[in-house]
C-alpha atoms as a PDB file:
ATOM      1  CA  MET A   1       0.000   0.000   0.000  1.00  0.00           C
ATOM      2  CA  LEU A   2       1.271   3.501  -0.813  1.00  0.00           C
ATOM      3  CA  LYS A   3       2.303   5.448   2.233  1.00  0.00           C
ATOM      4  CA  GLU A   4      -0.396   7.935   3.220  1.00  0.00           C
ATOM      5  CA  HIS A   5       2.161  10.667   3.756  1.00  0.00           C
ATOM      6  CA  LEU A   6       3.714  10.278   0.296  1.00  0.00           C
ATOM      7  CA  TYR A   7       3.910  13.896  -0.884  1.00  0.00           C
ATOM      8  CA  SER A   8       0.494  14.503   0.652  1.00  0.00           C
ATOM      9  CA  LYS A   9       1.945  17.002   3.141  1.00  0.00           C
ATOM     10  CA  LYS A  10       4.020  18.796   0.535  1.00  0.00           C
ATOM     11  CA  LEU A  11       3.278  22.518   0.250  1.00  0.00           C
ATOM     12  CA  GLY A  12       0.758  23.075  -2.518  1.00  0.00           C
ATOM     13  CA  ALA A  13      -0.392  19.462  -2.664  1.00  0.00           C
ATOM     14  CA  ASP A  14      -4.069  18.539  -2.879  1.00  0.00           C
ATOM     15  CA  PRO A  15      -5.495  18.323   0.641  1.00  0.00           C
ATOM     16  CA  HIS A  16      -7.426  15.122  -0.147  1.00  0.00           C
ATOM     17  CA  PHE A  17      -5.404  13.615  -3.006  1.00  0.00           C
ATOM     18  CA  ARG A  18      -2.050  11.901  -2.398  1.00  0.00           C
ATOM     19  CA  TRP A  19       0.594  13.036  -4.831  1.00  0.00           C
ATOM     20  CA  ARG A  20       2.292  10.085  -6.494  1.00  0.00           C
ATOM     21  CA  GLY A  21       4.625  12.229  -8.563  1.00  0.00           C
ATOM     22  CA  GLY A  22       8.027  12.649  -6.976  1.00  0.00           C
ATOM     23  CA  GLU A  23      10.866  14.795  -8.239  1.00  0.00           C
ATOM     24  CA  MET A  24      10.360  16.380 -11.645  1.00  0.00           C
ATOM     25  CA  SER A  25      10.655  13.700 -14.321  1.00  0.00           C
ATOM     26  CA  ARG A  26      12.104  14.116 -17.801  1.00  0.00           C
ATOM     27  CA  ILE A  27       8.541  14.101 -19.154  1.00  0.00           C
ATOM     28  CA  GLU A  28       7.639  17.091 -16.997  1.00  0.00           C
ATOM     29  CA  ALA A  29      10.935  18.836 -17.740  1.00  0.00           C
ATOM     30  CA  ILE A  30      10.426  18.783 -21.506  1.00  0.00           C
ATOM     31  CA  SER A  31       6.758  19.660 -20.985  1.00  0.00           C
ATOM     32  CA  ASP A  32       7.670  22.802 -19.029  1.00  0.00           C
ATOM     33  CA  ALA A  33      10.155  23.700 -21.775  1.00  0.00           C
ATOM     34  CA  VAL A  34       7.433  23.425 -24.427  1.00  0.00           C
ATOM     35  CA  PHE A  35       5.060  25.576 -22.360  1.00  0.00           C
ATOM     36  CA  ALA A  36       7.832  28.162 -21.951  1.00  0.00           C
ATOM     37  CA  ILE A  37       8.441  28.167 -25.711  1.00  0.00           C
ATOM     38  CA  THR A  38       4.710  28.542 -26.371  1.00  0.00           C
ATOM     39  CA  ILE A  39       4.460  31.574 -24.085  1.00  0.00           C
ATOM     40  CA  THR A  40       7.582  32.989 -25.724  1.00  0.00           C
ATOM     41  CA  LEU A  41       5.892  32.639 -29.122  1.00  0.00           C
ATOM     42  CA  LEU A  42       2.949  34.637 -27.772  1.00  0.00           C
ATOM     43  CA  ILE A  43       5.304  37.366 -26.543  1.00  0.00           C
ATOM     44  CA  VAL A  44       7.330  37.504 -29.762  1.00  0.00           C
ATOM     45  CA  SER A  45       4.161  37.775 -31.850  1.00  0.00           C
ATOM     46  CA  THR A  46       3.049  40.669 -29.632  1.00  0.00           C
ATOM     47  CA  ALA A  47       6.271  42.617 -29.029  1.00  0.00           C
ATOM     48  CA  ASN A  48       7.430  45.191 -31.578  1.00  0.00           C
ATOM     49  CA  SER A  49       9.228  48.161 -30.069  1.00  0.00           C
ATOM     50  CA  ASP A  50      10.738  50.003 -33.044  1.00  0.00           C
ATOM     51  CA  THR A  51       8.764  53.186 -32.306  1.00  0.00           C
ATOM     52  CA  PHE A  52       6.879  54.743 -29.405  1.00  0.00           C
ATOM     53  CA  TYR A  53       3.613  53.959 -31.196  1.00  0.00           C
ATOM     54  CA  ASP A  54       4.587  50.270 -31.314  1.00  0.00           C
ATOM     55  CA  ILE A  55       5.153  50.297 -27.550  1.00  0.00           C
ATOM     56  CA  TRP A  56       1.894  52.151 -26.928  1.00  0.00           C
ATOM     57  CA  LYS A  57      -0.006  49.700 -29.109  1.00  0.00           C
ATOM     58  CA  MET A  58       1.631  46.733 -27.335  1.00  0.00           C
ATOM     59  CA  VAL A  59       0.583  48.123 -23.932  1.00  0.00           C
ATOM     60  CA  ARG A  60      -2.923  48.845 -25.238  1.00  0.00           C
ATOM     61  CA  ASP A  61      -3.291  45.264 -26.488  1.00  0.00           C
ATOM     62  CA  LEU A  62      -2.006  43.630 -23.281  1.00  0.00           C
ATOM     63  CA  PRO A  63      -5.510  42.362 -22.341  1.00  0.00           C
ATOM     64  CA  ALA A  64      -5.545  40.179 -25.482  1.00  0.00           C
ATOM     65  CA  PHE A  65      -2.139  38.745 -24.564  1.00  0.00           C
ATOM     66  CA  PHE A  66      -3.243  38.311 -20.939  1.00  0.00           C
ATOM     67  CA  VAL A  67      -6.264  36.178 -21.909  1.00  0.00           C
ATOM     68  CA  SER A  68      -4.071  33.989 -24.135  1.00  0.00           C
ATOM     69  CA  PHE A  69      -1.495  33.712 -21.340  1.00  0.00           C
ATOM     70  CA  ILE A  70      -4.129  32.712 -18.752  1.00  0.00           C
ATOM     71  CA  LEU A  71      -5.549  29.959 -20.994  1.00  0.00           C
ATOM     72  CA  ILE A  72      -2.067  28.540 -21.631  1.00  0.00           C
ATOM     73  CA  ILE A  73      -1.299  28.656 -17.892  1.00  0.00           C
ATOM     74  CA  TYR A  74      -4.586  26.877 -17.174  1.00  0.00           C
ATOM     75  CA  ALA A  75      -3.577  24.095 -19.564  1.00  0.00           C
ATOM     76  CA  TRP A  76      -0.174  23.956 -17.820  1.00  0.00           C
ATOM     77  CA  PHE A  77      -1.837  23.679 -14.396  1.00  0.00           C
ATOM     78  CA  GLU A  78      -4.078  20.810 -15.529  1.00  0.00           C
ATOM     79  CA  HIS A  79      -0.976  19.070 -16.927  1.00  0.00           C
ATOM     80  CA  TYR A  80       1.047  19.764 -13.762  1.00  0.00           C
ATOM     81  CA  ARG A  81      -1.691  18.484 -11.454  1.00  0.00           C
ATOM     82  CA  PHE A  82      -2.112  15.312 -13.529  1.00  0.00           C
ATOM     83  CA  PHE A  83       1.541  14.319 -13.126  1.00  0.00           C
ATOM     84  CA  ARG A  84       1.633  15.319  -9.458  1.00  0.00           C
ATOM     85  CA  ARG A  85      -1.462  13.278  -8.671  1.00  0.00           C
ATOM     86  CA  TYR A  86      -0.750  10.133 -10.672  1.00  0.00           C
ATOM     87  CA  GLY A  87       2.985  10.144 -11.444  1.00  0.00           C
ATOM     88  CA  LEU A  88       2.435   8.011 -14.556  1.00  0.00           C
ATOM     89  CA  GLU A  89       5.343   7.514 -16.973  1.00  0.00           C
ATOM     90  CA  ASP A  90       4.188   4.513 -18.980  1.00  0.00           C
ATOM     91  CA  GLY A  91       4.110   4.290 -22.778  1.00  0.00           C
ATOM     92  CA  TRP A  92       0.561   5.564 -23.269  1.00  0.00           C
ATOM     93  CA  THR A  93       1.197   8.526 -20.970  1.00  0.00           C
ATOM     94  CA  VAL A  94       4.332   9.447 -22.919  1.00  0.00           C
ATOM     95  CA  ILE A  95       2.449   9.271 -26.250  1.00  0.00           C
ATOM     96  CA  LEU A  96      -0.538  11.265 -24.994  1.00  0.00           C
ATOM     97  CA  ASN A  97       1.750  13.819 -23.364  1.00  0.00           C
ATOM     98  CA  ALA A  98       3.719  14.301 -26.599  1.00  0.00           C
ATOM     99  CA  LEU A  99       0.471  14.829 -28.507  1.00  0.00           C
ATOM    100  CA  PHE A 100      -0.744  17.248 -25.835  1.00  0.00           C
ATOM    101  CA  LEU A 101       2.431  19.350 -26.087  1.00  0.00           C
ATOM    102  CA  PHE A 102       2.221  19.448 -29.885  1.00  0.00           C
ATOM    103  CA  LEU A 103      -1.380  20.649 -29.690  1.00  0.00           C
ATOM    104  CA  ILE A 104      -0.499  23.312 -27.098  1.00  0.00           C
ATOM    105  CA  MET A 105       2.025  24.835 -29.503  1.00  0.00           C
ATOM    106  CA  ILE A 106      -0.530  24.732 -32.329  1.00  0.00           C
ATOM    107  CA  LEU A 107      -3.214  26.283 -30.088  1.00  0.00           C
ATOM    108  CA  ALA A 108      -1.068  29.353 -29.390  1.00  0.00           C
ATOM    109  CA  TYR A 109      -1.561  30.791 -32.884  1.00  0.00           C
ATOM    110  CA  PRO A 110      -5.371  30.682 -33.300  1.00  0.00           C
ATOM    111  CA  LEU A 111      -5.739  31.594 -29.615  1.00  0.00           C
ATOM    112  CA  LYS A 112      -3.630  34.748 -29.976  1.00  0.00           C
ATOM    113  CA  PHE A 113      -5.376  35.681 -33.226  1.00  0.00           C
ATOM    114  CA  LEU A 114      -8.854  35.228 -31.756  1.00  0.00           C
ATOM    115  CA  THR A 115      -8.140  37.168 -28.557  1.00  0.00           C
ATOM    116  CA  THR A 116      -6.602  40.006 -30.600  1.00  0.00           C
ATOM    117  CA  PHE A 117      -9.642  40.083 -32.886  1.00  0.00           C
ATOM    118  CA  LEU A 118     -12.049  40.183 -29.929  1.00  0.00           C
ATOM    119  CA  TRP A 119     -10.014  42.902 -28.208  1.00  0.00           C
ATOM    120  CA  TYR A 120      -9.992  45.022 -31.355  1.00  0.00           C
ATOM    121  CA  ALA A 121     -13.765  44.622 -31.589  1.00  0.00           C
ATOM    122  CA  ILE A 122     -14.160  45.728 -27.946  1.00  0.00           C
ATOM    123  CA  ILE A 123     -12.029  48.885 -28.276  1.00  0.00           C
ATOM    124  CA  GLY A 124     -13.353  49.758 -31.728  1.00  0.00           C
ATOM    125  CA  GLU A 125     -10.078  49.143 -33.577  1.00  0.00           C
ATOM    126  CA  ASN A 126     -10.345  48.348 -37.272  1.00  0.00           C
ATOM    127  CA  THR A 127      -9.900  44.584 -37.706  1.00  0.00           C
ATOM    128  CA  ALA A 128      -9.306  44.764 -41.453  1.00  0.00           C
ATOM    129  CA  SER A 129      -5.530  44.455 -40.983  1.00  0.00           C
ATOM    130  CA  LEU A 130      -6.027  41.053 -39.368  1.00  0.00           C
ATOM    131  CA  PHE A 131      -7.676  39.726 -42.512  1.00  0.00           C
ATOM    132  CA  SER A 132      -5.435  41.194 -45.196  1.00  0.00           C
ATOM    133  CA  ILE A 133      -4.540  38.730 -47.968  1.00  0.00           C
ATOM    134  CA  PRO A 134      -1.351  38.905 -50.102  1.00  0.00           C
ATOM    135  CA  ALA A 135      -1.938  39.769 -53.738  1.00  0.00           C
ATOM    136  CA  ASN A 136      -0.440  36.456 -54.858  1.00  0.00           C
ATOM    137  CA  ALA A 137      -2.506  34.337 -52.449  1.00  0.00           C
ATOM    138  CA  ILE A 138      -3.987  31.159 -53.927  1.00  0.00           C
ATOM    139  CA  GLY A 139      -7.675  30.666 -53.243  1.00  0.00           C
ATOM    140  CA  ASP A 140     -10.661  32.819 -52.393  1.00  0.00           C
ATOM    141  CA  PHE A 141     -10.432  34.048 -48.787  1.00  0.00           C
ATOM    142  CA  SER A 142     -13.147  36.592 -48.171  1.00  0.00           C
ATOM    143  CA  VAL A 143     -13.295  38.270 -44.756  1.00  0.00           C
ATOM    144  CA  ILE A 144     -16.390  36.248 -43.808  1.00  0.00           C
ATOM    145  CA  LEU A 145     -14.660  33.019 -44.826  1.00  0.00           C
ATOM    146  CA  GLN A 146     -11.528  33.947 -42.863  1.00  0.00           C
ATOM    147  CA  ARG A 147     -13.563  34.644 -39.735  1.00  0.00           C
ATOM    148  CA  LYS A 148     -15.323  31.326 -40.144  1.00  0.00           C
ATOM    149  CA  TYR A 149     -12.014  29.485 -40.544  1.00  0.00           C
ATOM    150  CA  MET A 150     -10.603  31.394 -37.565  1.00  0.00           C
ATOM    151  CA  MET A 151     -13.353  29.954 -35.382  1.00  0.00           C
ATOM    152  CA  TYR A 152     -12.832  26.483 -36.827  1.00  0.00           C
ATOM    153  CA  PHE A 153      -9.086  26.635 -36.127  1.00  0.00           C
ATOM    154  CA  TYR A 154      -9.601  27.818 -32.557  1.00  0.00           C
ATOM    155  CA  SER A 155     -12.401  25.382 -31.708  1.00  0.00           C
ATOM    156  CA  LEU A 156     -10.657  22.361 -33.196  1.00  0.00           C
ATOM    157  CA  SER A 157      -7.378  23.272 -31.480  1.00  0.00           C
ATOM    158  CA  ILE A 158      -8.871  23.690 -28.025  1.00  0.00           C
ATOM    159  CA  PHE A 159     -11.100  20.630 -28.541  1.00  0.00           C
ATOM    160  CA  SER A 160      -8.003  18.543 -29.296  1.00  0.00           C
ATOM    161  CA  VAL A 161      -6.172  19.825 -26.192  1.00  0.00           C
ATOM    162  CA  PHE A 162      -9.031  18.952 -23.838  1.00  0.00           C
ATOM    163  CA  ALA A 163      -9.672  15.648 -25.626  1.00  0.00           C
ATOM    164  CA  VAL A 164      -6.099  14.562 -24.898  1.00  0.00           C
ATOM    165  CA  LEU A 165      -6.398  15.748 -21.287  1.00  0.00           C
ATOM    166  CA  ALA A 166      -9.559  13.659 -20.967  1.00  0.00           C
ATOM    167  CA  LEU A 167      -7.769  10.628 -22.426  1.00  0.00           C
ATOM    168  CA  MET A 168      -4.891  11.076 -19.972  1.00  0.00           C
ATOM    169  CA  HIS A 169      -7.280  11.112 -17.020  1.00  0.00           C
ATOM    170  CA  TRP A 170      -9.244   8.173 -18.424  1.00  0.00           C
ATOM    171  CA  HIS A 171      -5.956   6.281 -18.663  1.00  0.00           C
ATOM    172  CA  ALA A 172      -5.227   7.118 -15.011  1.00  0.00           C
ATOM    173  CA  TYR A 173      -8.741   6.037 -14.020  1.00  0.00           C
ATOM    174  CA  LYS A 174      -8.239   2.658 -15.708  1.00  0.00           C
ATOM    175  CA  LYS A 175      -5.065   2.241 -13.643  1.00  0.00           C
ATOM    176  CA  ARG A 176      -6.808   3.172 -10.381  1.00  0.00           C
ATOM    177  CA  ALA A 177      -6.135  -0.244  -8.844  1.00  0.00           C
ATOM    178  CA  LEU A 178      -2.432  -0.133  -9.713  1.00  0.00           C
ATOM    179  CA  LEU A 179      -2.205   3.437  -8.417  1.00  0.00           C
ATOM    180  CA  GLU A 180      -4.145   2.407  -5.296  1.00  0.00           C
ATOM    181  CA  LEU A 181      -6.563   5.310  -5.553  1.00  0.00           C
ATOM    182  CA  ASP A 182      -8.950   5.497  -2.603  1.00  0.00           C
ATOM    183  CA  LYS A 183     -12.634   6.306  -3.071  1.00  0.00           C
ATOM    184  CA  VAL A 184     -12.083  10.051  -2.660  1.00  0.00           C
ATOM    185  CA  GLU A 185      -9.273  10.059  -5.226  1.00  0.00           C
ATOM    186  CA  VAL A 186     -11.374   8.018  -7.640  1.00  0.00           C
ATOM    187  CA  PHE A 187     -14.160  10.546  -7.223  1.00  0.00           C
ATOM    188  CA  PHE A 188     -11.780  13.464  -7.906  1.00  0.00           C
ATOM    189  CA  THR A 189     -10.607  11.670 -11.048  1.00  0.00           C
ATOM    190  CA  LYS A 190     -14.198  11.186 -12.215  1.00  0.00           C
ATOM    191  CA  VAL A 191     -14.944  14.856 -11.476  1.00  0.00           C
ATOM    192  CA  THR A 192     -12.025  15.990 -13.626  1.00  0.00           C
ATOM    193  CA  LEU A 193     -13.111  13.662 -16.422  1.00  0.00           C
ATOM    194  CA  THR A 194     -16.676  14.981 -16.189  1.00  0.00           C
ATOM    195  CA  HIS A 195     -15.585  18.596 -16.553  1.00  0.00           C
ATOM    196  CA  HIS A 196     -13.328  17.807 -19.507  1.00  0.00           C
ATOM    197  CA  MET A 197     -16.208  15.991 -21.205  1.00  0.00           C
ATOM    198  CA  ILE A 198     -18.551  18.943 -20.584  1.00  0.00           C
ATOM    199  CA  THR A 199     -15.986  21.231 -22.201  1.00  0.00           C
ATOM    200  CA  LEU A 200     -15.738  18.923 -25.209  1.00  0.00           C
ATOM    201  CA  ILE A 201     -19.528  18.800 -25.586  1.00  0.00           C
ATOM    202  CA  ILE A 202     -19.807  22.606 -25.516  1.00  0.00           C
ATOM    203  CA  ILE A 203     -17.012  22.982 -28.080  1.00  0.00           C
ATOM    204  CA  SER A 204     -18.714  20.369 -30.272  1.00  0.00           C
ATOM    205  CA  LEU A 205     -21.984  22.300 -29.990  1.00  0.00           C
ATOM    206  CA  SER A 206     -20.173  25.485 -31.042  1.00  0.00           C
ATOM    207  CA  LEU A 207     -18.723  23.706 -34.081  1.00  0.00           C
ATOM    208  CA  ILE A 208     -22.171  22.383 -35.031  1.00  0.00           C
ATOM    209  CA  VAL A 209     -23.663  25.884 -34.764  1.00  0.00           C
ATOM    210  CA  LEU A 210     -20.804  27.263 -36.873  1.00  0.00           C
ATOM    211  CA  TYR A 211     -21.377  24.603 -39.526  1.00  0.00           C
ATOM    212  CA  LEU A 212     -25.141  25.138 -39.643  1.00  0.00           C
ATOM    213  CA  THR A 213     -25.195  28.942 -39.503  1.00  0.00           C
ATOM    214  CA  GLY A 214     -21.813  29.849 -40.975  1.00  0.00           C
ATOM    215  CA  ASN A 215     -21.747  32.638 -38.365  1.00  0.00           C
ATOM    216  CA  PRO A 216     -18.644  32.644 -36.113  1.00  0.00           C
ATOM    217  CA  GLY A 217     -20.243  35.195 -33.785  1.00  0.00           C
ATOM    218  CA  VAL A 218     -23.195  32.957 -33.000  1.00  0.00           C
ATOM    219  CA  SER A 219     -20.956  29.932 -32.501  1.00  0.00           C
ATOM    220  CA  GLY A 220     -18.781  32.007 -30.157  1.00  0.00           C
ATOM    221  CA  ILE A 221     -21.778  32.779 -27.954  1.00  0.00           C
ATOM    222  CA  VAL A 222     -22.073  29.025 -27.273  1.00  0.00           C
ATOM    223  CA  TYR A 223     -18.849  29.254 -25.241  1.00  0.00           C
ATOM    224  CA  PHE A 224     -20.716  31.301 -22.628  1.00  0.00           C
ATOM    225  CA  LEU A 225     -22.294  27.990 -21.624  1.00  0.00           C
ATOM    226  CA  MET A 226     -18.953  27.080 -20.002  1.00  0.00           C
ATOM    227  CA  PRO A 227     -19.468  28.946 -16.693  1.00  0.00           C
ATOM    228  CA  LEU A 228     -23.229  28.383 -16.764  1.00  0.00           C
ATOM    229  CA  ILE A 229     -22.711  24.600 -16.734  1.00  0.00           C
ATOM    230  CA  HIS A 230     -19.336  24.101 -15.041  1.00  0.00           C
ATOM    231  CA  PHE A 231     -20.040  26.199 -11.930  1.00  0.00           C
ATOM    232  CA  PRO A 232     -23.357  24.581 -10.881  1.00  0.00           C
ATOM    233  CA  ILE A 233     -22.007  21.091 -11.536  1.00  0.00           C
ATOM    234  CA  GLY A 234     -18.839  21.962  -9.640  1.00  0.00           C
ATOM    235  CA  TRP A 235     -20.938  23.135  -6.696  1.00  0.00           C
ATOM    236  CA  LEU A 236     -22.923  19.883  -6.648  1.00  0.00           C
ATOM    237  CA  GLU A 237     -19.731  17.851  -6.887  1.00  0.00           C
ATOM    238  CA  SER A 238     -18.154  19.786  -4.015  1.00  0.00           C
ATOM    239  CA  ARG A 239     -21.071  18.780  -1.793  1.00  0.00           C
ATOM    240  CA  LYS A 240     -20.597  15.134  -2.764  1.00  0.00           C
ATOM    241  CA  ILE A 241     -16.869  15.395  -2.102  1.00  0.00           C
ATOM    242  CA  ASN A 242     -17.520  16.853   1.365  1.00  0.00           C
ATOM    243  CA  ALA A 243     -19.876  13.967   2.094  1.00  0.00           C
ATOM    244  CA  LEU A 244     -17.123  11.503   1.151  1.00  0.00           C
ATOM    245  CA  ILE A 245     -14.355  13.294   3.036  1.00  0.00           C
ATOM    246  CA  THR A 246     -16.178  13.958   6.316  1.00  0.00           C
ATOM    247  CA  PRO A 247     -16.721  10.280   7.301  1.00  0.00           C
ATOM    248  CA  SER A 248     -13.085   9.413   6.563  1.00  0.00           C
ATOM    249  CA  GLN A 249     -11.927  12.378   8.674  1.00  0.00           C
ATOM    250  CA  GLU A 250     -14.177  11.297  11.542  1.00  0.00           C
ATOM    251  CA  LYS A 251     -12.668   7.799  11.470  1.00  0.00           C
ATOM    252  CA  SER A 252      -9.162   9.187  11.576  1.00  0.00           C
END
């Protein structure tokens, strides 16, 4: 049986989930490097300080960068918590982790473009420059078509990231006996899986709306279902978790 104190008292650890991850593994090391590179790509695509106006514009557009940064950090936290909780380093985990990192780097580009577009729309900046097409471009890319593709790129990218996260947690759930997860830890794993699946369903709904209407604005509104669904379900799950934790604390 795993020792109850194994990393469970470590600063920052889950209060009710034993951390099975020890010192940083090579998987986590390369993962952190990829996340650092991804954030660097966001910065490089934002920074241009040749003139005062460039600096002023960069400062003005910081909210767009901030939103992109927060979403990347959220993905990093989910990744970090997975390896701290389960400490898996088997073949499937390595493959899924490699795919996850590849998708994170791909996500950075449509994410930055979309947040910049939305920020420009909020402050009343002309978005025409974001949809300029070279004179020698092959194919017909109208502004409407570009906006539609922009939403497709973003939705498919973020769908892929959360799909891989869901697969990683499903893999950990299947190994619950080997990992010696107790009933509280199994419940936490199911909760995480549930929220990832809800996210995937909402993204799928947004893609369906985009396909049927051809309107990226309408499909974007679907994403507002995220807090409307996640928060109530999270509240209900927290009550169930408290019901599971309280008896075990009373026994101890």
